[in-house]
């Protein structure tokens, strides 16, 4: 749960720390604005993917289902800077499927936390495996990290790609290759 008062105080200290005057017109309301923004950005801290993945439907389809190009925005836990990009999720059902919007909602649960991309990729895959018990799942995340773009090495446009495979996707190279071709 976000503590707005603590965030406001921290923002005031940060502004003072960089030499700003918190009482000047443009900054008077900034601590409150930042606290409200953090409440939105970190809404996944108290959320569970289970609430989105629990409503399933019986399906005879046992072929791969792919939802690709799910846009996400997250915050790097190392520098508190944004990283953002696309998530691609495929799973092979075993008698039950979930509404496709629920996959995007699952991404949001994990993206709206202090996060690292590698962990987020695995969390999405594991949540789907646990909730749907499919034959397998594969998740790819492609992201640009602002800590690489606007500070440090300063390499805008560079992409970090993480991939996690579970179940049949770990063993079936043909299925894995089909996924990779479809997300290109």
C-alpha atoms as a PDB file:
ATOM      1  CA  UNK A   1       0.000   0.000   0.000  1.00  0.00           C
ATOM      2  CA  UNK A   2       1.337   3.391  -1.027  1.00  0.00           C
ATOM      3  CA  UNK A   3       1.883   5.849   1.836  1.00  0.00           C
ATOM      4  CA  UNK A   4       1.258   9.230   0.204  1.00  0.00           C
ATOM      5  CA  UNK A   5       2.502  11.256   3.180  1.00  0.00           C
ATOM      6  CA  UNK A   6       5.887   9.516   3.179  1.00  0.00           C
ATOM      7  CA  UNK A   7       6.222   9.973  -0.578  1.00  0.00           C
ATOM      8  CA  UNK A   8       5.397  13.675  -0.312  1.00  0.00           C
ATOM      9  CA  UNK A   9       8.010  14.144   2.400  1.00  0.00           C
ATOM     10  CA  UNK A  10      10.585  12.188   0.370  1.00  0.00           C
ATOM     11  CA  UNK A  11       9.919  14.340  -2.700  1.00  0.00           C
ATOM     12  CA  UNK A  12      10.363  17.509  -0.626  1.00  0.00           C
ATOM     13  CA  UNK A  13      13.699  16.170   0.652  1.00  0.00           C
ATOM     14  CA  UNK A  14      14.756  15.212  -2.863  1.00  0.00           C
ATOM     15  CA  UNK A  15      13.912  18.662  -4.214  1.00  0.00           C
ATOM     16  CA  UNK A  16      15.839  20.292  -1.369  1.00  0.00           C
ATOM     17  CA  UNK A  17      18.703  17.862  -1.964  1.00  0.00           C
ATOM     18  CA  UNK A  18      19.132  19.015  -5.565  1.00  0.00           C
ATOM     19  CA  UNK A  19      19.006  22.649  -4.463  1.00  0.00           C
ATOM     20  CA  UNK A  20      15.404  23.510  -5.291  1.00  0.00           C
ATOM     21  CA  UNK A  21      13.037  25.755  -3.357  1.00  0.00           C
ATOM     22  CA  UNK A  22       9.936  23.670  -2.525  1.00  0.00           C
ATOM     23  CA  UNK A  23       7.928  26.806  -1.843  1.00  0.00           C
ATOM     24  CA  UNK A  24       8.283  28.265  -5.344  1.00  0.00           C
ATOM     25  CA  UNK A  25       5.138  28.348  -7.456  1.00  0.00           C
ATOM     26  CA  UNK A  26       6.015  25.529  -9.860  1.00  0.00           C
ATOM     27  CA  UNK A  27       6.967  23.110  -7.073  1.00  0.00           C
ATOM     28  CA  UNK A  28       4.357  23.782  -4.358  1.00  0.00           C
ATOM     29  CA  UNK A  29       2.051  21.004  -5.521  1.00  0.00           C
ATOM     30  CA  UNK A  30       4.754  18.673  -6.872  1.00  0.00           C
ATOM     31  CA  UNK A  31       5.036  16.389  -3.809  1.00  0.00           C
ATOM     32  CA  UNK A  32       1.282  15.674  -3.943  1.00  0.00           C
ATOM     33  CA  UNK A  33       1.354  15.127  -7.700  1.00  0.00           C
ATOM     34  CA  UNK A  34       4.249  12.694  -7.392  1.00  0.00           C
ATOM     35  CA  UNK A  35       2.495  10.791  -4.581  1.00  0.00           C
ATOM     36  CA  UNK A  36      -0.637  10.384  -6.723  1.00  0.00           C
ATOM     37  CA  UNK A  37       1.475   9.336  -9.695  1.00  0.00           C
ATOM     38  CA  UNK A  38       3.297   6.703  -7.624  1.00  0.00           C
ATOM     39  CA  UNK A  39      -0.015   5.350  -6.406  1.00  0.00           C
ATOM     40  CA  UNK A  40      -0.906   4.701 -10.057  1.00  0.00           C
ATOM     41  CA  UNK A  41       2.543   3.523 -11.210  1.00  0.00           C
ATOM     42  CA  UNK A  42       2.886   1.019  -8.371  1.00  0.00           C
ATOM     43  CA  UNK A  43      -0.694  -0.244  -8.252  1.00  0.00           C
ATOM     44  CA  UNK A  44       0.625  -3.762  -8.882  1.00  0.00           C
ATOM     45  CA  UNK A  45       2.314  -3.877  -5.476  1.00  0.00           C
ATOM     46  CA  UNK A  46      -0.922  -4.981  -3.828  1.00  0.00           C
ATOM     47  CA  UNK A  47      -2.450  -6.754  -6.826  1.00  0.00           C
ATOM     48  CA  UNK A  48      -2.466 -10.442  -7.673  1.00  0.00           C
ATOM     49  CA  UNK A  49      -2.545 -11.970 -11.148  1.00  0.00           C
ATOM     50  CA  UNK A  50      -4.893 -14.628  -9.770  1.00  0.00           C
ATOM     51  CA  UNK A  51      -7.763 -12.154  -9.698  1.00  0.00           C
ATOM     52  CA  UNK A  52      -7.480 -11.788 -13.480  1.00  0.00           C
ATOM     53  CA  UNK A  53      -6.630 -15.369 -14.395  1.00  0.00           C
ATOM     54  CA  UNK A  54      -9.221 -17.118 -12.213  1.00  0.00           C
ATOM     55  CA  UNK A  55     -12.110 -16.779 -14.678  1.00  0.00           C
ATOM     56  CA  UNK A  56     -11.574 -19.434 -17.326  1.00  0.00           C
ATOM     57  CA  UNK A  57     -13.583 -21.028 -20.102  1.00  0.00           C
ATOM     58  CA  UNK A  58     -13.682 -24.611 -21.279  1.00  0.00           C
ATOM     59  CA  UNK A  59     -12.076 -25.009 -24.681  1.00  0.00           C
ATOM     60  CA  UNK A  60     -11.315 -27.887 -26.979  1.00  0.00           C
ATOM     61  CA  UNK A  61      -8.499 -25.956 -28.626  1.00  0.00           C
ATOM     62  CA  UNK A  62      -5.166 -27.436 -27.632  1.00  0.00           C
ATOM     63  CA  UNK A  63      -3.143 -25.376 -30.110  1.00  0.00           C
ATOM     64  CA  UNK A  64      -1.012 -22.368 -29.274  1.00  0.00           C
ATOM     65  CA  UNK A  65      -2.785 -19.119 -28.354  1.00  0.00           C
ATOM     66  CA  UNK A  66      -0.701 -15.970 -28.790  1.00  0.00           C
ATOM     67  CA  UNK A  67      -1.295 -12.455 -27.538  1.00  0.00           C
ATOM     68  CA  UNK A  68       1.478 -10.213 -28.802  1.00  0.00           C
ATOM     69  CA  UNK A  69       2.543  -6.583 -28.630  1.00  0.00           C
ATOM     70  CA  UNK A  70       1.101  -5.941 -25.159  1.00  0.00           C
ATOM     71  CA  UNK A  71       2.510  -2.517 -24.290  1.00  0.00           C
ATOM     72  CA  UNK A  72       3.800  -2.071 -20.742  1.00  0.00           C
ATOM     73  CA  UNK A  73       5.551   0.541 -18.623  1.00  0.00           C
ATOM     74  CA  UNK A  74       7.503  -0.375 -15.516  1.00  0.00           C
ATOM     75  CA  UNK A  75      10.061   1.101 -13.133  1.00  0.00           C
ATOM     76  CA  UNK A  76      13.537  -0.317 -12.652  1.00  0.00           C
ATOM     77  CA  UNK A  77      14.232  -1.136  -9.026  1.00  0.00           C
ATOM     78  CA  UNK A  78      17.931  -0.306  -9.442  1.00  0.00           C
ATOM     79  CA  UNK A  79      17.647   3.324 -10.584  1.00  0.00           C
ATOM     80  CA  UNK A  80      13.920   4.127 -10.154  1.00  0.00           C
ATOM     81  CA  UNK A  81      13.794   4.935 -13.858  1.00  0.00           C
ATOM     82  CA  UNK A  82      11.242   3.711 -16.396  1.00  0.00           C
ATOM     83  CA  UNK A  83      11.605   0.814 -18.744  1.00  0.00           C
ATOM     84  CA  UNK A  84       8.946   0.059 -21.309  1.00  0.00           C
ATOM     85  CA  UNK A  85       8.182  -2.055 -24.316  1.00  0.00           C
ATOM     86  CA  UNK A  86       6.156  -5.026 -25.499  1.00  0.00           C
ATOM     87  CA  UNK A  87       5.243  -8.386 -24.021  1.00  0.00           C
ATOM     88  CA  UNK A  88       4.349 -11.418 -26.131  1.00  0.00           C
ATOM     89  CA  UNK A  89       2.591 -14.345 -24.425  1.00  0.00           C
ATOM     90  CA  UNK A  90       1.761 -17.743 -25.888  1.00  0.00           C
ATOM     91  CA  UNK A  91       0.271 -20.743 -24.162  1.00  0.00           C
ATOM     92  CA  UNK A  92      -1.010 -24.149 -25.141  1.00  0.00           C
ATOM     93  CA  UNK A  93      -4.231 -24.759 -23.201  1.00  0.00           C
ATOM     94  CA  UNK A  94      -5.162 -28.022 -21.570  1.00  0.00           C
ATOM     95  CA  UNK A  95      -8.945 -27.764 -21.573  1.00  0.00           C
ATOM     96  CA  UNK A  96      -9.336 -24.192 -20.358  1.00  0.00           C
ATOM     97  CA  UNK A  97      -8.576 -20.720 -21.687  1.00  0.00           C
ATOM     98  CA  UNK A  98      -8.754 -17.217 -20.295  1.00  0.00           C
ATOM     99  CA  UNK A  99     -10.112 -14.067 -21.906  1.00  0.00           C
ATOM    100  CA  UNK A 100      -7.330 -12.379 -23.859  1.00  0.00           C
ATOM    101  CA  UNK A 101      -7.652  -9.104 -21.939  1.00  0.00           C
ATOM    102  CA  UNK A 102      -6.725 -11.051 -18.804  1.00  0.00           C
ATOM    103  CA  UNK A 103      -3.272 -11.693 -20.229  1.00  0.00           C
ATOM    104  CA  UNK A 104      -2.730  -7.944 -20.615  1.00  0.00           C
ATOM    105  CA  UNK A 105      -4.041  -7.396 -17.079  1.00  0.00           C
ATOM    106  CA  UNK A 106      -1.553  -9.982 -15.814  1.00  0.00           C
ATOM    107  CA  UNK A 107       1.251  -8.036 -17.480  1.00  0.00           C
ATOM    108  CA  UNK A 108       0.032  -4.872 -15.724  1.00  0.00           C
ATOM    109  CA  UNK A 109       0.072  -6.547 -12.301  1.00  0.00           C
ATOM    110  CA  UNK A 110       3.783  -7.296 -12.604  1.00  0.00           C
ATOM    111  CA  UNK A 111       4.802  -4.197 -14.579  1.00  0.00           C
ATOM    112  CA  UNK A 112       3.297  -1.844 -11.987  1.00  0.00           C
ATOM    113  CA  UNK A 113       5.877  -2.710  -9.358  1.00  0.00           C
ATOM    114  CA  UNK A 114       9.497  -1.855  -8.760  1.00  0.00           C
ATOM    115  CA  UNK A 115      10.886  -4.470 -11.062  1.00  0.00           C
ATOM    116  CA  UNK A 116      13.635  -5.951 -13.162  1.00  0.00           C
ATOM    117  CA  UNK A 117      12.755  -7.243 -16.608  1.00  0.00           C
ATOM    118  CA  UNK A 118      14.157 -10.732 -16.054  1.00  0.00           C
ATOM    119  CA  UNK A 119      12.012 -11.271 -12.969  1.00  0.00           C
ATOM    120  CA  UNK A 120       8.891  -9.788 -14.576  1.00  0.00           C
ATOM    121  CA  UNK A 121       9.176 -12.158 -17.543  1.00  0.00           C
ATOM    122  CA  UNK A 122       9.318 -15.192 -15.255  1.00  0.00           C
ATOM    123  CA  UNK A 123       6.517 -13.900 -12.998  1.00  0.00           C
ATOM    124  CA  UNK A 124       4.143 -13.582 -15.951  1.00  0.00           C
ATOM    125  CA  UNK A 125       4.961 -17.089 -17.201  1.00  0.00           C
ATOM    126  CA  UNK A 126       4.684 -18.645 -13.740  1.00  0.00           C
ATOM    127  CA  UNK A 127       1.358 -16.927 -12.977  1.00  0.00           C
ATOM    128  CA  UNK A 128      -0.150 -18.306 -16.203  1.00  0.00           C
ATOM    129  CA  UNK A 129       1.228 -21.796 -15.533  1.00  0.00           C
ATOM    130  CA  UNK A 130      -0.146 -21.796 -12.005  1.00  0.00           C
ATOM    131  CA  UNK A 131      -3.581 -20.358 -12.780  1.00  0.00           C
ATOM    132  CA  UNK A 132      -4.382 -22.060 -16.088  1.00  0.00           C
ATOM    133  CA  UNK A 133      -2.328 -25.231 -15.788  1.00  0.00           C
ATOM    134  CA  UNK A 134      -1.671 -25.185 -19.552  1.00  0.00           C
ATOM    135  CA  UNK A 135       0.569 -27.615 -21.390  1.00  0.00           C
ATOM    136  CA  UNK A 136       3.087 -24.810 -21.657  1.00  0.00           C
ATOM    137  CA  UNK A 137       3.687 -21.089 -21.811  1.00  0.00           C
ATOM    138  CA  UNK A 138       6.269 -18.835 -23.422  1.00  0.00           C
ATOM    139  CA  UNK A 139       6.777 -15.151 -22.632  1.00  0.00           C
ATOM    140  CA  UNK A 140       9.038 -12.676 -24.425  1.00  0.00           C
ATOM    141  CA  UNK A 141       9.616  -9.131 -23.202  1.00  0.00           C
ATOM    142  CA  UNK A 142      11.330  -6.498 -25.351  1.00  0.00           C
ATOM    143  CA  UNK A 143      12.111  -3.253 -23.556  1.00  0.00           C
ATOM    144  CA  UNK A 144      14.039  -0.030 -23.628  1.00  0.00           C
ATOM    145  CA  UNK A 145      15.506   0.982 -20.282  1.00  0.00           C
ATOM    146  CA  UNK A 146      15.839   4.680 -19.533  1.00  0.00           C
ATOM    147  CA  UNK A 147      18.804   3.937 -17.261  1.00  0.00           C
ATOM    148  CA  UNK A 148      20.615   2.871 -20.471  1.00  0.00           C
ATOM    149  CA  UNK A 149      19.155   5.679 -22.584  1.00  0.00           C
ATOM    150  CA  UNK A 150      19.421   8.906 -20.631  1.00  0.00           C
ATOM    151  CA  UNK A 151      22.157   8.168 -18.093  1.00  0.00           C
ATOM    152  CA  UNK A 152      25.146   5.877 -17.779  1.00  0.00           C
ATOM    153  CA  UNK A 153      26.092   4.453 -21.172  1.00  0.00           C
ATOM    154  CA  UNK A 154      23.517   6.657 -23.010  1.00  0.00           C
ATOM    155  CA  UNK A 155      22.514   4.261 -25.782  1.00  0.00           C
ATOM    156  CA  UNK A 156      18.982   5.226 -26.900  1.00  0.00           C
ATOM    157  CA  UNK A 157      17.085   2.637 -28.880  1.00  0.00           C
ATOM    158  CA  UNK A 158      18.880  -0.345 -27.379  1.00  0.00           C
ATOM    159  CA  UNK A 159      16.534  -3.208 -26.552  1.00  0.00           C
ATOM    160  CA  UNK A 160      16.754  -5.803 -23.818  1.00  0.00           C
ATOM    161  CA  UNK A 161      14.998  -9.056 -24.691  1.00  0.00           C
ATOM    162  CA  UNK A 162      14.096 -11.716 -22.136  1.00  0.00           C
ATOM    163  CA  UNK A 163      12.422 -15.038 -22.865  1.00  0.00           C
ATOM    164  CA  UNK A 164      10.972 -17.621 -20.501  1.00  0.00           C
ATOM    165  CA  UNK A 165       9.639 -21.040 -21.556  1.00  0.00           C
ATOM    166  CA  UNK A 166       7.632 -23.464 -19.449  1.00  0.00           C
ATOM    167  CA  UNK A 167       6.163 -26.893 -20.165  1.00  0.00           C
ATOM    168  CA  UNK A 168       5.964 -27.981 -23.821  1.00  0.00           C
ATOM    169  CA  UNK A 169       7.755 -24.830 -24.965  1.00  0.00           C
ATOM    170  CA  UNK A 170      10.884 -26.047 -23.158  1.00  0.00           C
ATOM    171  CA  UNK A 171      10.936 -29.336 -25.057  1.00  0.00           C
ATOM    172  CA  UNK A 172       9.348 -28.670 -28.447  1.00  0.00           C
ATOM    173  CA  UNK A 173      11.759 -26.683 -30.649  1.00  0.00           C
ATOM    174  CA  UNK A 174       9.185 -26.490 -33.450  1.00  0.00           C
ATOM    175  CA  UNK A 175       6.616 -24.889 -31.128  1.00  0.00           C
ATOM    176  CA  UNK A 176       9.239 -22.497 -29.761  1.00  0.00           C
ATOM    177  CA  UNK A 177      10.326 -21.530 -33.289  1.00  0.00           C
ATOM    178  CA  UNK A 178       6.697 -20.976 -34.340  1.00  0.00           C
ATOM    179  CA  UNK A 179       6.294 -18.558 -31.407  1.00  0.00           C
ATOM    180  CA  UNK A 180       9.478 -16.692 -32.353  1.00  0.00           C
ATOM    181  CA  UNK A 181       8.386 -16.391 -36.008  1.00  0.00           C
ATOM    182  CA  UNK A 182       4.958 -15.092 -35.034  1.00  0.00           C
ATOM    183  CA  UNK A 183       6.288 -12.345 -32.744  1.00  0.00           C
ATOM    184  CA  UNK A 184       8.727 -11.022 -35.360  1.00  0.00           C
END
